[in-house]
Every structure is written in structure tokens, then in C-alpha cells.
Amino acid sequence: MLLIATNGFWLYQAIDLAVIEKYRQQKEYETKKRTETLEKLCSKLVGGMKKSEAVKPLNEISRDFGVYEKEGKLNTVCLSFKVDSQGNVVKSDACK
């Protein structure tokens, strides 16, 4: 009887772990898609602006962390936008 009970417990734990992993994967997928969508939207909004003009709206979106420039890109905590040689934000290919 004890063997049946412990096997049932281990089966329950395996199923529970599989369900938790599936929820984690779904959450990760949704977060990735949300970030991609936000990046496309922001690129549409600030694309073509001068770097100095784009900093203000990007700072409003990312209040906890300021916008910084690194390796020819304007960056926030989770978004990144290319800057061309004239100092303008480049629209992403998905938004053209």
C-alpha cells in the first residue's frame, strides 16, 4: 500500500512540474513578444527623430532607468534603437 501511495505522489509531482514548466514557457514567450511589439511601436514613434529629441519620450517610457547610448544605439532597460551617422534614430525594418 505504501508503494502505491509513494508512486502516486511521484506521479503527481511529475505532472505538477510539467504544468509549471508549460506556464513558465508561455510566460517567457509572451514577455518576448511584448518586448518585440513595444520595440516596434517605439521605433515607429521615434524613428527619424534626432537622438536628442528621442531621449525625452524614451525616458518617459523607462522611468526607472535612463536612456543611454552605447555602440551607436540608444538603449533603455529592454529596448535598443540604432542611430545613423547623422544622429537620427533609424526605424526598424519591421516598421517601414
Protein backbone atom coordinates (compact mmCIF):
# COMPACT_ATOMS: atom_id res chain seq x y z
CA MET A 1 0.00 0.00 0.00
CA LEU A 2 2.84 2.38 0.86
CA LEU A 3 4.43 1.67 -2.53
CA ILE A 4 1.22 2.67 -4.34
CA ALA A 5 0.94 5.85 -2.28
CA THR A 6 4.55 6.91 -2.94
CA ASN A 7 4.25 6.12 -6.65
CA GLY A 8 1.08 8.20 -6.79
CA PHE A 9 2.86 11.06 -5.04
CA TRP A 10 5.78 10.94 -7.50
CA LEU A 11 3.36 10.83 -10.45
CA TYR A 12 1.51 13.85 -9.07
CA GLN A 13 4.81 15.73 -8.67
CA ALA A 14 5.89 14.90 -12.23
CA ILE A 15 2.60 16.16 -13.67
CA ASP A 16 2.70 19.26 -11.49
CA LEU A 17 6.26 20.03 -12.59
CA ALA A 18 5.30 19.60 -16.27
CA VAL A 19 2.37 22.01 -15.88
CA ILE A 20 4.53 24.58 -14.08
CA GLU A 21 7.16 24.36 -16.84
CA LYS A 22 4.50 24.86 -19.51
CA TYR A 23 3.22 28.01 -17.74
CA ARG A 24 6.81 29.30 -17.42
CA GLN A 25 7.43 28.76 -21.14
CA GLN A 26 4.18 30.54 -22.03
CA LYS A 27 5.06 33.49 -19.79
CA GLU A 28 8.53 33.70 -21.36
CA TYR A 29 7.00 33.61 -24.87
CA GLU A 30 4.50 36.35 -24.01
CA THR A 31 7.20 38.54 -22.46
CA LYS A 32 9.40 38.17 -25.54
CA LYS A 33 6.52 39.05 -27.89
CA ARG A 34 5.54 42.01 -25.70
CA THR A 35 9.09 43.36 -25.84
CA GLU A 36 9.29 42.89 -29.63
CA THR A 37 5.96 44.69 -30.08
CA LEU A 38 6.98 47.54 -27.79
CA GLU A 39 10.28 47.90 -29.62
CA LYS A 40 8.48 48.06 -33.00
CA LEU A 41 5.97 50.60 -31.69
CA CYS A 42 8.65 52.79 -30.13
CA SER A 43 10.73 52.54 -33.28
CA LYS A 44 7.77 53.80 -35.27
CA LEU A 45 7.29 56.67 -32.86
CA VAL A 46 10.90 57.81 -32.52
CA GLY A 47 12.27 56.60 -35.87
CA GLY A 48 13.60 59.53 -37.86
CA MET A 49 13.89 61.79 -34.81
CA LYS A 50 17.18 63.33 -33.83
CA LYS A 51 18.85 61.47 -30.98
CA SER A 52 18.34 64.39 -28.61
CA GLU A 53 14.59 64.51 -29.43
CA ALA A 54 14.12 60.75 -28.97
CA VAL A 55 15.62 60.71 -25.48
CA LYS A 56 12.65 62.51 -23.87
CA PRO A 57 9.86 60.08 -24.91
CA LEU A 58 12.09 57.06 -24.27
CA ASN A 59 12.88 58.36 -20.77
CA GLU A 60 9.13 58.68 -20.14
CA ILE A 61 8.65 55.02 -21.09
CA SER A 62 11.57 53.82 -18.99
CA ARG A 63 11.27 55.98 -15.87
CA ASP A 64 13.34 53.76 -13.57
CA PHE A 65 16.33 53.63 -15.91
CA GLY A 66 17.53 56.46 -18.10
CA VAL A 67 18.29 56.19 -21.78
CA TYR A 68 21.95 55.73 -22.61
CA GLU A 69 23.96 55.49 -25.81
CA LYS A 70 26.29 52.59 -26.46
CA GLU A 71 27.85 51.27 -29.66
CA GLY A 72 25.78 53.51 -31.92
CA LYS A 73 22.46 52.66 -30.28
CA LEU A 74 20.08 54.37 -27.88
CA ASN A 75 19.23 51.89 -25.16
CA THR A 76 16.70 51.62 -22.38
CA VAL A 77 16.50 48.70 -20.00
CA CYS A 78 14.96 46.34 -22.57
CA LEU A 79 14.82 48.33 -25.84
CA SER A 80 17.53 49.30 -28.29
CA PHE A 81 17.42 51.64 -31.30
CA LYS A 82 20.11 52.14 -33.93
CA VAL A 83 21.35 55.69 -34.55
CA ASP A 84 22.67 56.64 -38.01
CA SER A 85 25.75 58.76 -38.73
CA GLN A 86 23.64 61.95 -38.79
CA GLY A 87 22.42 61.28 -35.25
CA ASN A 88 18.90 60.19 -36.21
CA VAL A 89 17.11 57.17 -34.81
CA VAL A 90 16.72 54.52 -37.51
CA LYS A 91 13.32 52.87 -37.95
CA SER A 92 13.42 49.09 -37.65
CA ASP A 93 12.82 47.08 -40.81
CA ALA A 94 9.56 45.72 -39.43
CA CYS A 95 8.07 49.22 -39.23
CA LYS A 96 8.89 50.56 -42.70
